Amino acid sequence: GGSLIAASLIAVPAKAATKMPQKAVSYQATPKGKARCDNCALWQAPASCKLVEGPIAASGWCVLYKAKG
């Protein structure tokens, strides 16, 4: 049982380390036209992204934007 807990704790930081810095993806806290984080396939409410680290504004945008659909 203890080894399962330890394994799951180790996996969490490794997953977080795969996110990219906001500067690397030209993140901005304002939309680019109709393209905005809260209608992107990578958006995770309330304020994060599957691929970009840090807090993400719903009205933000970056070069990884991919419309939901």
PDB file of N, CA and C in Angstrom:
ATOM      1  N   GLY A   1       0.805  -1.197   0.000  1.00  0.00           N
ATOM      2  CA  GLY A   1       0.000   0.000   0.000  1.00  0.00           C
ATOM      3  C   GLY A   1       0.841   1.250   0.000  1.00  0.00           C
ATOM      4  N   GLY A   2       1.893   1.263   0.834  1.00  0.00           N
ATOM      5  CA  GLY A   2       2.753   2.439   0.928  1.00  0.00           C
ATOM      6  C   GLY A   2       3.481   2.739  -0.363  1.00  0.00           C
ATOM      7  N   SER A   3       3.856   1.681  -1.085  1.00  0.00           N
ATOM      8  CA  SER A   3       4.578   1.912  -2.338  1.00  0.00           C
ATOM      9  C   SER A   3       3.682   2.551  -3.390  1.00  0.00           C
ATOM     10  N   LEU A   4       2.376   2.249  -3.358  1.00  0.00           N
ATOM     11  CA  LEU A   4       1.449   2.878  -4.293  1.00  0.00           C
ATOM     12  C   LEU A   4       1.332   4.369  -4.022  1.00  0.00           C
ATOM     13  N   ILE A   5       1.283   4.730  -2.753  1.00  0.00           N
ATOM     14  CA  ILE A   5       1.197   6.146  -2.390  1.00  0.00           C
ATOM     15  C   ILE A   5       2.464   6.870  -2.830  1.00  0.00           C
ATOM     16  N   ALA A   6       3.614   6.276  -2.566  1.00  0.00           N
ATOM     17  CA  ALA A   6       4.878   6.899  -2.949  1.00  0.00           C
ATOM     18  C   ALA A   6       4.961   7.056  -4.470  1.00  0.00           C
ATOM     19  N   ALA A   7       4.554   6.048  -5.207  1.00  0.00           N
ATOM     20  CA  ALA A   7       4.593   6.113  -6.669  1.00  0.00           C
ATOM     21  C   ALA A   7       3.688   7.222  -7.197  1.00  0.00           C
ATOM     22  N   SER A   8       2.513   7.386  -6.587  1.00  0.00           N
ATOM     23  CA  SER A   8       1.604   8.426  -7.066  1.00  0.00           C
ATOM     24  C   SER A   8       2.135   9.819  -6.730  1.00  0.00           C
ATOM     25  N   LEU A   9       2.833   9.970  -5.624  1.00  0.00           N
ATOM     26  CA  LEU A   9       3.410  11.261  -5.268  1.00  0.00           C
ATOM     27  C   LEU A   9       4.564  11.618  -6.200  1.00  0.00           C
ATOM     28  N   ILE A  10       5.308  10.637  -6.628  1.00  0.00           N
ATOM     29  CA  ILE A  10       6.422  10.876  -7.537  1.00  0.00           C
ATOM     30  C   ILE A  10       5.899  11.269  -8.922  1.00  0.00           C
ATOM     31  N   ALA A  11       4.793  10.681  -9.341  1.00  0.00           N
ATOM     32  CA  ALA A  11       4.254  10.937 -10.673  1.00  0.00           C
ATOM     33  C   ALA A  11       3.719  12.364 -10.820  1.00  0.00           C
ATOM     34  N   VAL A  12       3.217  12.960  -9.764  1.00  0.00           N
ATOM     35  CA  VAL A  12       2.619  14.291  -9.852  1.00  0.00           C
ATOM     36  C   VAL A  12       3.637  15.361 -10.253  1.00  0.00           C
ATOM     37  N   PRO A  13       4.802  15.471  -9.583  1.00  0.00           N
ATOM     38  CA  PRO A  13       5.758  16.491 -10.004  1.00  0.00           C
ATOM     39  C   PRO A  13       6.276  16.252 -11.422  1.00  0.00           C
ATOM     40  N   ALA A  14       6.453  15.006 -11.817  1.00  0.00           N
ATOM     41  CA  ALA A  14       6.944  14.716 -13.162  1.00  0.00           C
ATOM     42  C   ALA A  14       5.952  15.216 -14.208  1.00  0.00           C
ATOM     43  N   LYS A  15       4.669  15.046 -13.961  1.00  0.00           N
ATOM     44  CA  LYS A  15       3.647  15.511 -14.900  1.00  0.00           C
ATOM     45  C   LYS A  15       3.664  17.040 -14.975  1.00  0.00           C
ATOM     46  N   ALA A  16       3.767  17.702 -13.847  1.00  0.00           N
ATOM     47  CA  ALA A  16       3.778  19.165 -13.824  1.00  0.00           C
ATOM     48  C   ALA A  16       4.997  19.715 -14.556  1.00  0.00           C
ATOM     49  N   ALA A  17       6.104  19.005 -14.519  1.00  0.00           N
ATOM     50  CA  ALA A  17       7.337  19.465 -15.146  1.00  0.00           C
ATOM     51  C   ALA A  17       7.226  19.493 -16.671  1.00  0.00           C
ATOM     52  N   THR A  18       6.239  18.820 -17.239  1.00  0.00           N
ATOM     53  CA  THR A  18       6.108  18.781 -18.685  1.00  0.00           C
ATOM     54  C   THR A  18       5.412  20.022 -19.244  1.00  0.00           C
ATOM     55  N   LYS A  19       4.862  20.858 -18.381  1.00  0.00           N
ATOM     56  CA  LYS A  19       4.212  22.083 -18.849  1.00  0.00           C
ATOM     57  C   LYS A  19       5.256  23.106 -19.268  1.00  0.00           C
ATOM     58  N   MET A  20       4.892  23.918 -20.255  1.00  0.00           N
ATOM     59  CA  MET A  20       5.807  24.923 -20.788  1.00  0.00           C
ATOM     60  C   MET A  20       5.626  26.266 -20.085  1.00  0.00           C
ATOM     61  N   PRO A  21       6.697  27.042 -19.988  1.00  0.00           N
ATOM     62  CA  PRO A  21       6.582  28.383 -19.405  1.00  0.00           C
ATOM     63  C   PRO A  21       5.701  29.273 -20.290  1.00  0.00           C
ATOM     64  N   GLN A  22       5.020  30.210 -19.668  1.00  0.00           N
ATOM     65  CA  GLN A  22       4.137  31.117 -20.411  1.00  0.00           C
ATOM     66  C   GLN A  22       4.893  31.886 -21.486  1.00  0.00           C
ATOM     67  N   LYS A  23       6.104  32.332 -21.191  1.00  0.00           N
ATOM     68  CA  LYS A  23       6.884  33.105 -22.168  1.00  0.00           C
ATOM     69  C   LYS A  23       7.200  32.280 -23.410  1.00  0.00           C
ATOM     70  N   ALA A  24       7.414  30.967 -23.236  1.00  0.00           N
ATOM     71  CA  ALA A  24       7.785  30.104 -24.361  1.00  0.00           C
ATOM     72  C   ALA A  24       6.666  29.961 -25.387  1.00  0.00           C
ATOM     73  N   VAL A  25       5.430  30.184 -24.954  1.00  0.00           N
ATOM     74  CA  VAL A  25       4.284  30.048 -25.863  1.00  0.00           C
ATOM     75  C   VAL A  25       3.614  31.381 -26.162  1.00  0.00           C
ATOM     76  N   SER A  26       4.311  32.474 -25.861  1.00  0.00           N
ATOM     77  CA  SER A  26       3.804  33.833 -26.092  1.00  0.00           C
ATOM     78  C   SER A  26       2.442  34.068 -25.446  1.00  0.00           C
ATOM     79  N   TYR A  27       2.279  33.530 -24.226  1.00  0.00           N
ATOM     80  CA  TYR A  27       1.013  33.713 -23.505  1.00  0.00           C
ATOM     81  C   TYR A  27       0.765  35.190 -23.224  1.00  0.00           C
ATOM     82  N   GLN A  28      -0.479  35.593 -23.387  1.00  0.00           N
ATOM     83  CA  GLN A  28      -0.914  36.945 -23.023  1.00  0.00           C
ATOM     84  C   GLN A  28      -2.255  36.817 -22.318  1.00  0.00           C
ATOM     85  N   ALA A  29      -2.538  37.699 -21.387  1.00  0.00           N
ATOM     86  CA  ALA A  29      -3.763  37.631 -20.595  1.00  0.00           C
ATOM     87  C   ALA A  29      -4.975  38.210 -21.323  1.00  0.00           C
ATOM     88  N   THR A  30      -4.783  38.608 -22.578  1.00  0.00           N
ATOM     89  CA  THR A  30      -5.878  39.157 -23.383  1.00  0.00           C
ATOM     90  C   THR A  30      -6.103  38.269 -24.609  1.00  0.00           C
ATOM     91  N   PRO A  31      -7.317  38.250 -25.132  1.00  0.00           N
ATOM     92  CA  PRO A  31      -7.603  37.383 -26.281  1.00  0.00           C
ATOM     93  C   PRO A  31      -6.963  37.884 -27.570  1.00  0.00           C
ATOM     94  N   LYS A  32      -6.922  37.020 -28.550  1.00  0.00           N
ATOM     95  CA  LYS A  32      -6.471  37.400 -29.887  1.00  0.00           C
ATOM     96  C   LYS A  32      -7.672  37.203 -30.797  1.00  0.00           C
ATOM     97  N   GLY A  33      -8.417  38.267 -30.977  1.00  0.00           N
ATOM     98  CA  GLY A  33      -9.677  38.175 -31.704  1.00  0.00           C
ATOM     99  C   GLY A  33     -10.661  37.318 -30.910  1.00  0.00           C
ATOM    100  N   LYS A  34     -11.260  36.346 -31.578  1.00  0.00           N
ATOM    101  CA  LYS A  34     -12.192  35.441 -30.896  1.00  0.00           C
ATOM    102  C   LYS A  34     -11.478  34.286 -30.219  1.00  0.00           C
ATOM    103  N   ALA A  35     -10.182  34.130 -30.466  1.00  0.00           N
ATOM    104  CA  ALA A  35      -9.398  33.061 -29.855  1.00  0.00           C
ATOM    105  C   ALA A  35      -9.043  33.442 -28.421  1.00  0.00           C
ATOM    106  N   ARG A  36      -9.511  32.653 -27.482  1.00  0.00           N
ATOM    107  CA  ARG A  36      -9.231  32.895 -26.066  1.00  0.00           C
ATOM    108  C   ARG A  36      -9.166  31.563 -25.330  1.00  0.00           C
ATOM    109  N   CYS A  37      -8.468  31.549 -24.227  1.00  0.00           N
ATOM    110  CA  CYS A  37      -8.215  30.305 -23.498  1.00  0.00           C
ATOM    111  C   CYS A  37      -9.473  29.518 -23.149  1.00  0.00           C
ATOM    112  N   ASP A  38     -10.523  30.192 -22.722  1.00  0.00           N
ATOM    113  CA  ASP A  38     -11.703  29.441 -22.276  1.00  0.00           C
ATOM    114  C   ASP A  38     -12.491  28.797 -23.417  1.00  0.00           C
ATOM    115  N   ASN A  39     -12.096  29.015 -24.679  1.00  0.00           N
ATOM    116  CA  ASN A  39     -12.701  28.241 -25.760  1.00  0.00           C
ATOM    117  C   ASN A  39     -11.644  27.443 -26.513  1.00  0.00           C
ATOM    118  N   CYS A  40     -10.544  27.150 -25.816  1.00  0.00           N
ATOM    119  CA  CYS A  40      -9.442  26.341 -26.349  1.00  0.00           C
ATOM    120  C   CYS A  40      -9.582  24.908 -25.838  1.00  0.00           C
ATOM    121  N   ALA A  41      -9.197  23.951 -26.662  1.00  0.00           N
ATOM    122  CA  ALA A  41      -9.271  22.532 -26.296  1.00  0.00           C
ATOM    123  C   ALA A  41      -8.335  22.191 -25.130  1.00  0.00           C
ATOM    124  N   LEU A  42      -7.344  23.037 -24.841  1.00  0.00           N
ATOM    125  CA  LEU A  42      -6.381  22.770 -23.773  1.00  0.00           C
ATOM    126  C   LEU A  42      -6.765  23.413 -22.440  1.00  0.00           C
ATOM    127  N   TRP A  43      -7.816  24.200 -22.423  1.00  0.00           N
ATOM    128  CA  TRP A  43      -8.269  24.935 -21.225  1.00  0.00           C
ATOM    129  C   TRP A  43      -8.736  23.979 -20.136  1.00  0.00           C
ATOM    130  N   GLN A  44      -8.342  24.274 -18.901  1.00  0.00           N
ATOM    131  CA  GLN A  44      -8.809  23.543 -17.728  1.00  0.00           C
ATOM    132  C   GLN A  44      -9.338  24.562 -16.724  1.00  0.00           C
ATOM    133  N   ALA A  45     -10.672  24.630 -16.611  1.00  0.00           N
ATOM    134  CA  ALA A  45     -11.292  25.568 -15.674  1.00  0.00           C
ATOM    135  C   ALA A  45     -10.877  25.212 -14.247  1.00  0.00           C
ATOM    136  N   PRO A  46     -10.731  26.181 -13.363  1.00  0.00           N
ATOM    137  CA  PRO A  46     -11.101  27.575 -13.557  1.00  0.00           C
ATOM    138  C   PRO A  46      -9.991  28.456 -14.117  1.00  0.00           C
ATOM    139  N   ALA A  47      -8.703  28.041 -14.023  1.00  0.00           N
ATOM    140  CA  ALA A  47      -7.646  28.955 -14.465  1.00  0.00           C
ATOM    141  C   ALA A  47      -6.341  28.241 -14.802  1.00  0.00           C
ATOM    142  N   SER A  48      -6.407  27.182 -15.607  1.00  0.00           N
ATOM    143  CA  SER A  48      -5.166  26.506 -15.980  1.00  0.00           C
ATOM    144  C   SER A  48      -5.249  25.917 -17.384  1.00  0.00           C
ATOM    145  N   CYS A  49      -4.124  25.406 -17.823  1.00  0.00           N
ATOM    146  CA  CYS A  49      -3.987  24.852 -19.173  1.00  0.00           C
ATOM    147  C   CYS A  49      -3.313  23.494 -19.074  1.00  0.00           C
ATOM    148  N   LYS A  50      -3.638  22.599 -19.985  1.00  0.00           N
ATOM    149  CA  LYS A  50      -3.020  21.273 -20.003  1.00  0.00           C
ATOM    150  C   LYS A  50      -1.534  21.340 -20.331  1.00  0.00           C
ATOM    151  N   LEU A  51      -1.102  22.376 -21.060  1.00  0.00           N
ATOM    152  CA  LEU A  51       0.282  22.434 -21.522  1.00  0.00           C
ATOM    153  C   LEU A  51       1.107  23.621 -21.031  1.00  0.00           C
ATOM    154  N   VAL A  52       0.450  24.635 -20.460  1.00  0.00           N
ATOM    155  CA  VAL A  52       1.163  25.846 -20.040  1.00  0.00           C
ATOM    156  C   VAL A  52       1.100  25.986 -18.527  1.00  0.00           C
ATOM    157  N   GLU A  53       2.232  26.291 -17.926  1.00  0.00           N
ATOM    158  CA  GLU A  53       2.289  26.402 -16.466  1.00  0.00           C
ATOM    159  C   GLU A  53       1.756  27.732 -15.965  1.00  0.00           C
ATOM    160  N   GLY A  54       1.432  27.755 -14.686  1.00  0.00           N
ATOM    161  CA  GLY A  54       0.998  28.979 -14.028  1.00  0.00           C
ATOM    162  C   GLY A  54      -0.481  29.248 -14.175  1.00  0.00           C
ATOM    163  N   PRO A  55      -0.939  30.306 -13.535  1.00  0.00           N
ATOM    164  CA  PRO A  55      -2.351  30.683 -13.673  1.00  0.00           C
ATOM    165  C   PRO A  55      -2.621  31.209 -15.079  1.00  0.00           C
ATOM    166  N   ILE A  56      -3.740  30.813 -15.630  1.00  0.00           N
ATOM    167  CA  ILE A  56      -4.111  31.187 -16.992  1.00  0.00           C
ATOM    168  C   ILE A  56      -5.445  31.921 -16.960  1.00  0.00           C
ATOM    169  N   ALA A  57      -5.497  33.086 -17.561  1.00  0.00           N
ATOM    170  CA  ALA A  57      -6.736  33.874 -17.614  1.00  0.00           C
ATOM    171  C   ALA A  57      -7.687  33.263 -18.645  1.00  0.00           C
ATOM    172  N   ALA A  58      -8.962  33.209 -18.307  1.00  0.00           N
ATOM    173  CA  ALA A  58      -9.969  32.692 -19.240  1.00  0.00           C
ATOM    174  C   ALA A  58      -9.957  33.487 -20.539  1.00  0.00           C
ATOM    175  N   SER A  59      -9.653  34.770 -20.442  1.00  0.00           N
ATOM    176  CA  SER A  59      -9.635  35.640 -21.622  1.00  0.00           C
ATOM    177  C   SER A  59      -8.259  35.694 -22.287  1.00  0.00           C
ATOM    178  N   GLY A  60      -7.330  34.848 -21.838  1.00  0.00           N
ATOM    179  CA  GLY A  60      -5.977  34.856 -22.384  1.00  0.00           C
ATOM    180  C   GLY A  60      -5.864  34.160 -23.727  1.00  0.00           C
ATOM    181  N   TRP A  61      -4.618  34.086 -24.225  1.00  0.00           N
ATOM    182  CA  TRP A  61      -4.332  33.447 -25.512  1.00  0.00           C
ATOM    183  C   TRP A  61      -2.858  33.091 -25.573  1.00  0.00           C
ATOM    184  N   CYS A  62      -2.504  32.033 -26.321  1.00  0.00           N
ATOM    185  CA  CYS A  62      -1.109  31.723 -26.611  1.00  0.00           C
ATOM    186  C   CYS A  62      -1.018  31.019 -27.959  1.00  0.00           C
ATOM    187  N   VAL A  63       0.199  30.769 -28.429  1.00  0.00           N
ATOM    188  CA  VAL A  63       0.401  30.169 -29.747  1.00  0.00           C
ATOM    189  C   VAL A  63      -0.082  28.720 -29.836  1.00  0.00           C
ATOM    190  N   LEU A  64      -0.367  28.083 -28.702  1.00  0.00           N
ATOM    191  CA  LEU A  64      -0.862  26.702 -28.702  1.00  0.00           C
ATOM    192  C   LEU A  64      -2.377  26.634 -28.846  1.00  0.00           C
ATOM    193  N   TYR A  65      -3.023  27.782 -28.973  1.00  0.00           N
ATOM    194  CA  TYR A  65      -4.484  27.823 -29.057  1.00  0.00           C
ATOM    195  C   TYR A  65      -5.022  26.842 -30.107  1.00  0.00           C
ATOM    196  N   LYS A  66      -6.006  26.058 -29.682  1.00  0.00           N
ATOM    197  CA  LYS A  66      -6.697  25.129 -30.598  1.00  0.00           C
ATOM    198  C   LYS A  66      -8.185  25.168 -30.252  1.00  0.00           C
ATOM    199  N   ALA A  67      -8.983  25.629 -31.171  1.00  0.00           N
ATOM    200  CA  ALA A  67     -10.422  25.764 -30.924  1.00  0.00           C
ATOM    201  C   ALA A  67     -11.036  24.419 -30.527  1.00  0.00           C
ATOM    202  N   LYS A  68     -11.946  24.473 -29.557  1.00  0.00           N
ATOM    203  CA  LYS A  68     -12.674  23.262 -29.162  1.00  0.00           C
ATOM    204  C   LYS A  68     -13.495  22.798 -30.351  1.00  0.00           C
ATOM    205  N   GLY A  69     -13.629  21.505 -30.468  1.00  0.00           N
ATOM    206  CA  GLY A  69     -14.494  21.104 -31.536  1.00  0.00           C
ATOM    207  C   GLY A  69     -14.302  19.727 -31.962  1.00  0.00           C
TER     208      GLY A  69
END
